[in-house]
Every structure is written in structure tokens, then in C-alpha cells.
Amino acid sequence: MKIWPKKQKVPAVKLSQKYAILNRIRAANWVPTRHSSDVAT
């Protein structure tokens, strides 16, 4: 979704697909480290 519909309700399916993709990216980028405060590079 590039623009937010003004008078229409946003279908939950589109939002859930977007968040599913974001969660996959987050899970792929998350690397467990010994020090939780450090950023994995």
C-alpha cells in the first residue's frame, strides 16, 4: 500500500501480509549474541 485510503477501510489482509513480511525480515536480521546490548554487524 503506497497511499492510505481516506474514506475506505483498510483490509486486514493487506496489513497482515505487510507485517508478516516485516517479521520475516526482523527474524532474518536478528542474530543472537553473548551481549544483548551489542548490535550484531
PDB file of N, CA and C in Angstrom:
ATOM      1  N   MET A   1       0.845  -1.181   0.000  1.00  0.00           N
ATOM      2  CA  MET A   1       0.000   0.000   0.000  1.00  0.00           C
ATOM      3  C   MET A   1       0.883   1.234   0.000  1.00  0.00           C
ATOM      4  N   LYS A   2       0.827   1.988  -1.068  1.00  0.00           N
ATOM      5  CA  LYS A   2       1.650   3.189  -1.154  1.00  0.00           C
ATOM      6  C   LYS A   2       0.952   4.382  -0.520  1.00  0.00           C
ATOM      7  N   ILE A   3      -0.359   4.454  -0.681  1.00  0.00           N
ATOM      8  CA  ILE A   3      -1.113   5.555  -0.083  1.00  0.00           C
ATOM      9  C   ILE A   3      -2.194   4.984   0.822  1.00  0.00           C
ATOM     10  N   TRP A   4      -2.522   5.737   1.842  1.00  0.00           N
ATOM     11  CA  TRP A   4      -3.552   5.307   2.783  1.00  0.00           C
ATOM     12  C   TRP A   4      -4.910   5.735   2.250  1.00  0.00           C
ATOM     13  N   PRO A   5      -5.840   4.814   2.080  1.00  0.00           N
ATOM     14  CA  PRO A   5      -7.172   5.200   1.601  1.00  0.00           C
ATOM     15  C   PRO A   5      -7.864   6.116   2.606  1.00  0.00           C
ATOM     16  N   LYS A   6      -8.457   7.182   2.106  1.00  0.00           N
ATOM     17  CA  LYS A   6      -9.038   8.182   3.001  1.00  0.00           C
ATOM     18  C   LYS A   6     -10.399   7.758   3.539  1.00  0.00           C
ATOM     19  N   LYS A   7     -11.291   7.331   2.669  1.00  0.00           N
ATOM     20  CA  LYS A   7     -12.648   7.031   3.112  1.00  0.00           C
ATOM     21  C   LYS A   7     -12.933   5.538   3.170  1.00  0.00           C
ATOM     22  N   GLN A   8     -11.990   4.738   2.759  1.00  0.00           N
ATOM     23  CA  GLN A   8     -12.205   3.300   2.764  1.00  0.00           C
ATOM     24  C   GLN A   8     -11.549   2.683   3.987  1.00  0.00           C
ATOM     25  N   LYS A   9     -12.105   1.595   4.406  1.00  0.00           N
ATOM     26  CA  LYS A   9     -11.464   0.850   5.488  1.00  0.00           C
ATOM     27  C   LYS A   9     -10.349   0.007   4.879  1.00  0.00           C
ATOM     28  N   VAL A  10      -9.246  -0.074   5.583  1.00  0.00           N
ATOM     29  CA  VAL A  10      -8.111  -0.846   5.089  1.00  0.00           C
ATOM     30  C   VAL A  10      -8.362  -2.321   5.366  1.00  0.00           C
ATOM     31  N   PRO A  11      -8.266  -3.155   4.343  1.00  0.00           N
ATOM     32  CA  PRO A  11      -8.459  -4.593   4.570  1.00  0.00           C
ATOM     33  C   PRO A  11      -7.400  -5.155   5.510  1.00  0.00           C
ATOM     34  N   ALA A  12      -7.821  -5.950   6.460  1.00  0.00           N
ATOM     35  CA  ALA A  12      -6.887  -6.527   7.427  1.00  0.00           C
ATOM     36  C   ALA A  12      -5.899  -7.464   6.746  1.00  0.00           C
ATOM     37  N   VAL A  13      -6.296  -8.032   5.619  1.00  0.00           N
ATOM     38  CA  VAL A  13      -5.415  -8.968   4.913  1.00  0.00           C
ATOM     39  C   VAL A  13      -4.169  -8.256   4.426  1.00  0.00           C
ATOM     40  N   LYS A  14      -4.327  -7.053   3.878  1.00  0.00           N
ATOM     41  CA  LYS A  14      -3.170  -6.309   3.383  1.00  0.00           C
ATOM     42  C   LYS A  14      -2.220  -5.957   4.517  1.00  0.00           C
ATOM     43  N   LEU A  15      -2.760  -5.544   5.647  1.00  0.00           N
ATOM     44  CA  LEU A  15      -1.913  -5.194   6.783  1.00  0.00           C
ATOM     45  C   LEU A  15      -1.210  -6.419   7.339  1.00  0.00           C
ATOM     46  N   SER A  16      -1.927  -7.533   7.435  1.00  0.00           N
ATOM     47  CA  SER A  16      -1.308  -8.731   7.997  1.00  0.00           C
ATOM     48  C   SER A  16      -0.202  -9.253   7.087  1.00  0.00           C
ATOM     49  N   GLN A  17      -0.365  -9.134   5.769  1.00  0.00           N
ATOM     50  CA  GLN A  17       0.693  -9.541   4.842  1.00  0.00           C
ATOM     51  C   GLN A  17       1.910  -8.659   5.019  1.00  0.00           C
ATOM     52  N   LYS A  18       1.674  -7.361   5.184  1.00  0.00           N
ATOM     53  CA  LYS A  18       2.785  -6.422   5.371  1.00  0.00           C
ATOM     54  C   LYS A  18       3.557  -6.749   6.646  1.00  0.00           C
ATOM     55  N   TYR A  19       2.839  -6.991   7.741  1.00  0.00           N
ATOM     56  CA  TYR A  19       3.509  -7.292   8.999  1.00  0.00           C
ATOM     57  C   TYR A  19       4.186  -8.659   8.968  1.00  0.00           C
ATOM     58  N   ALA A  20       3.635  -9.600   8.221  1.00  0.00           N
ATOM     59  CA  ALA A  20       4.275 -10.912   8.096  1.00  0.00           C
ATOM     60  C   ALA A  20       5.625 -10.774   7.404  1.00  0.00           C
ATOM     61  N   ILE A  21       5.679  -9.942   6.363  1.00  0.00           N
ATOM     62  CA  ILE A  21       6.945  -9.704   5.661  1.00  0.00           C
ATOM     63  C   ILE A  21       7.932  -9.009   6.583  1.00  0.00           C
ATOM     64  N   LEU A  22       7.483  -7.998   7.313  1.00  0.00           N
ATOM     65  CA  LEU A  22       8.372  -7.285   8.230  1.00  0.00           C
ATOM     66  C   LEU A  22       8.902  -8.215   9.318  1.00  0.00           C
ATOM     67  N   ASN A  23       8.064  -9.105   9.816  1.00  0.00           N
ATOM     68  CA  ASN A  23       8.516 -10.042  10.847  1.00  0.00           C
ATOM     69  C   ASN A  23       9.541 -11.022  10.302  1.00  0.00           C
ATOM     70  N   ARG A  24       9.402 -11.421   9.036  1.00  0.00           N
ATOM     71  CA  ARG A  24      10.400 -12.304   8.427  1.00  0.00           C
ATOM     72  C   ARG A  24      11.733 -11.593   8.312  1.00  0.00           C
ATOM     73  N   ILE A  25      11.702 -10.324   7.905  1.00  0.00           N
ATOM     74  CA  ILE A  25      12.939  -9.548   7.788  1.00  0.00           C
ATOM     75  C   ILE A  25      13.581  -9.386   9.162  1.00  0.00           C
ATOM     76  N   ARG A  26      12.773  -9.081  10.162  1.00  0.00           N
ATOM     77  CA  ARG A  26      13.297  -8.889  11.516  1.00  0.00           C
ATOM     78  C   ARG A  26      13.921 -10.180  12.037  1.00  0.00           C
ATOM     79  N   ALA A  27      13.266 -11.293  11.793  1.00  0.00           N
ATOM     80  CA  ALA A  27      13.790 -12.574  12.261  1.00  0.00           C
ATOM     81  C   ALA A  27      15.087 -12.927  11.541  1.00  0.00           C
ATOM     82  N   ALA A  28      15.181 -12.592  10.261  1.00  0.00           N
ATOM     83  CA  ALA A  28      16.395 -12.894   9.498  1.00  0.00           C
ATOM     84  C   ALA A  28      17.554 -12.016   9.949  1.00  0.00           C
ATOM     85  N   ASN A  29      17.261 -10.784  10.355  1.00  0.00           N
ATOM     86  CA  ASN A  29      18.314  -9.852  10.754  1.00  0.00           C
ATOM     87  C   ASN A  29      18.729 -10.017  12.207  1.00  0.00           C
ATOM     88  N   TRP A  30      17.937 -10.721  13.000  1.00  0.00           N
ATOM     89  CA  TRP A  30      18.240 -10.874  14.413  1.00  0.00           C
ATOM     90  C   TRP A  30      19.275 -11.969  14.584  1.00  0.00           C
ATOM     91  N   VAL A  31      20.395 -11.608  15.167  1.00  0.00           N
ATOM     92  CA  VAL A  31      21.469 -12.576  15.391  1.00  0.00           C
ATOM     93  C   VAL A  31      21.737 -12.633  16.889  1.00  0.00           C
ATOM     94  N   PRO A  32      21.616 -13.796  17.478  1.00  0.00           N
ATOM     95  CA  PRO A  32      21.878 -13.891  18.916  1.00  0.00           C
ATOM     96  C   PRO A  32      23.351 -13.651  19.232  1.00  0.00           C
ATOM     97  N   THR A  33      23.609 -12.832  20.217  1.00  0.00           N
ATOM     98  CA  THR A  33      24.983 -12.547  20.630  1.00  0.00           C
ATOM     99  C   THR A  33      25.099 -12.773  22.128  1.00  0.00           C
ATOM    100  N   ARG A  34      26.307 -12.839  22.622  1.00  0.00           N
ATOM    101  CA  ARG A  34      26.507 -13.020  24.060  1.00  0.00           C
ATOM    102  C   ARG A  34      26.087 -11.776  24.822  1.00  0.00           C
ATOM    103  N   HIS A  35      26.338 -10.618  24.238  1.00  0.00           N
ATOM    104  CA  HIS A  35      25.990  -9.354  24.883  1.00  0.00           C
ATOM    105  C   HIS A  35      24.741  -8.807  24.213  1.00  0.00           C
ATOM    106  N   SER A  36      23.643  -8.823  24.922  1.00  0.00           N
ATOM    107  CA  SER A  36      22.379  -8.425  24.323  1.00  0.00           C
ATOM    108  C   SER A  36      22.338  -6.939  23.983  1.00  0.00           C
ATOM    109  N   SER A  37      23.196  -6.128  24.617  1.00  0.00           N
ATOM    110  CA  SER A  37      23.174  -4.695  24.338  1.00  0.00           C
ATOM    111  C   SER A  37      23.968  -4.347  23.083  1.00  0.00           C
ATOM    112  N   ASP A  38      24.812  -5.279  22.616  1.00  0.00           N
ATOM    113  CA  ASP A  38      25.605  -5.012  21.415  1.00  0.00           C
ATOM    114  C   ASP A  38      24.762  -5.217  20.166  1.00  0.00           C
ATOM    115  N   VAL A  39      25.101  -4.481  19.127  1.00  0.00           N
ATOM    116  CA  VAL A  39      24.419  -4.629  17.849  1.00  0.00           C
ATOM    117  C   VAL A  39      25.254  -5.555  16.974  1.00  0.00           C
ATOM    118  N   ALA A  40      24.624  -6.591  16.453  1.00  0.00           N
ATOM    119  CA  ALA A  40      25.347  -7.534  15.596  1.00  0.00           C
ATOM    120  C   ALA A  40      25.565  -6.904  14.226  1.00  0.00           C
ATOM    121  N   THR A  41      26.787  -7.003  13.737  1.00  0.00           N
ATOM    122  CA  THR A  41      27.081  -6.438  12.419  1.00  0.00           C
ATOM    123  C   THR A  41      27.506  -7.527  11.468  1.00  0.00           C
TER     124      THR A  41
END
